[in-house]
């Protein structure tokens, strides 16, 4: 499975709520070094930061709550998926 497909699968499971908080963090972290590309890595780091905020009400509240933070997380993953697809030559 290509990296952009992994990211799309992760996004889908987050939207459906079929993945635990720990799994999201673990999977996002595992994606960090899939490519030696600064833009891709920045998007994954941003997604990881949003994921950390998503799991803590005290951290997500200043950003509009869990739903808003989840939207930012999914947006960053989507951007990382697009970048991964380009890097994979797709």
Protein backbone atom coordinates (compact mmCIF):
# COMPACT_ATOMS: atom_id res chain seq x y z
CA UNK A 1 0.00 0.00 0.00
CA UNK A 2 1.33 3.42 -0.93
CA UNK A 3 1.73 6.15 1.67
CA UNK A 4 -1.05 8.33 0.28
CA UNK A 5 -3.39 5.32 0.52
CA UNK A 6 -2.38 4.79 4.14
CA UNK A 7 -3.17 8.44 4.87
CA UNK A 8 -6.55 8.19 3.11
CA UNK A 9 -7.37 5.10 5.18
CA UNK A 10 -6.38 6.89 8.37
CA UNK A 11 -8.57 9.88 7.44
CA UNK A 12 -11.49 7.55 6.76
CA UNK A 13 -11.15 5.79 10.12
CA UNK A 14 -10.93 9.14 11.94
CA UNK A 15 -14.10 10.35 10.19
CA UNK A 16 -15.93 7.12 11.06
CA UNK A 17 -14.60 7.08 14.63
CA UNK A 18 -13.26 3.54 14.25
CA UNK A 19 -9.75 4.27 15.51
CA UNK A 20 -8.50 4.95 19.01
CA UNK A 21 -6.65 8.08 20.04
CA UNK A 22 -3.47 6.08 20.62
CA UNK A 23 -3.69 4.46 17.19
CA UNK A 24 -4.05 7.85 15.51
CA UNK A 25 -0.95 9.18 17.22
CA UNK A 26 1.01 6.01 16.47
CA UNK A 27 0.02 5.97 12.79
CA UNK A 28 0.64 9.68 12.24
CA UNK A 29 4.04 9.37 13.90
CA UNK A 30 4.90 6.36 11.73
CA UNK A 31 4.14 8.42 8.61
CA UNK A 32 6.56 11.18 9.57
CA UNK A 33 9.64 9.77 7.86
CA UNK A 34 7.96 8.09 4.89
CA UNK A 35 9.63 10.73 2.70
CA UNK A 36 12.73 12.84 3.13
CA UNK A 37 10.78 15.91 2.06
CA UNK A 38 10.45 19.02 4.23
CA UNK A 39 6.95 19.98 3.01
CA UNK A 40 5.56 16.48 3.58
CA UNK A 41 7.18 16.20 7.01
CA UNK A 42 5.85 19.62 8.03
CA UNK A 43 2.28 18.57 7.17
CA UNK A 44 2.64 15.33 9.15
CA UNK A 45 4.13 17.22 12.12
CA UNK A 46 1.19 19.63 11.98
CA UNK A 47 -1.21 16.67 11.89
CA UNK A 48 0.58 15.15 14.89
CA UNK A 49 0.25 18.43 16.80
CA UNK A 50 -3.49 18.58 16.03
CA UNK A 51 -3.84 14.92 17.04
CA UNK A 52 -2.28 15.69 20.44
CA UNK A 53 -4.71 18.59 20.91
CA UNK A 54 -7.63 16.42 19.82
CA UNK A 55 -7.19 14.01 22.71
CA UNK A 56 -7.22 16.59 25.48
CA UNK A 57 -10.25 18.82 26.12
CA UNK A 58 -8.02 21.34 27.89
CA UNK A 59 -5.90 21.60 24.75
CA UNK A 60 -8.73 21.43 22.20
CA UNK A 61 -11.05 23.96 23.87
CA UNK A 62 -8.90 27.02 23.02
CA UNK A 63 -9.10 25.96 19.36
CA UNK A 64 -12.89 25.62 19.24
CA UNK A 65 -13.30 22.16 20.74
CA UNK A 66 -12.69 18.62 19.56
CA UNK A 67 -14.74 18.93 16.37
CA UNK A 68 -12.77 21.96 15.19
CA UNK A 69 -9.45 20.36 16.08
CA UNK A 70 -10.52 17.18 14.28
CA UNK A 71 -11.23 19.28 11.18
CA UNK A 72 -7.73 20.75 11.34
CA UNK A 73 -6.25 17.28 11.83
CA UNK A 74 -8.10 15.94 8.80
CA UNK A 75 -7.12 18.98 6.74
CA UNK A 76 -3.42 18.48 7.50
CA UNK A 77 -3.67 14.77 6.75
CA UNK A 78 -5.37 15.58 3.45
CA UNK A 79 -2.57 17.96 2.51
CA UNK A 80 0.04 15.38 3.51
CA UNK A 81 -1.78 12.77 1.41
CA UNK A 82 -1.70 15.06 -1.62
CA UNK A 83 2.01 15.71 -1.08
CA UNK A 84 2.66 11.97 -0.67
CA UNK A 85 0.82 11.22 -3.89
CA UNK A 86 2.98 13.72 -5.78
CA UNK A 87 6.14 12.30 -4.24
CA UNK A 88 5.07 8.81 -5.26
CA UNK A 89 4.74 9.99 -8.81
CA UNK A 90 0.97 9.80 -8.88
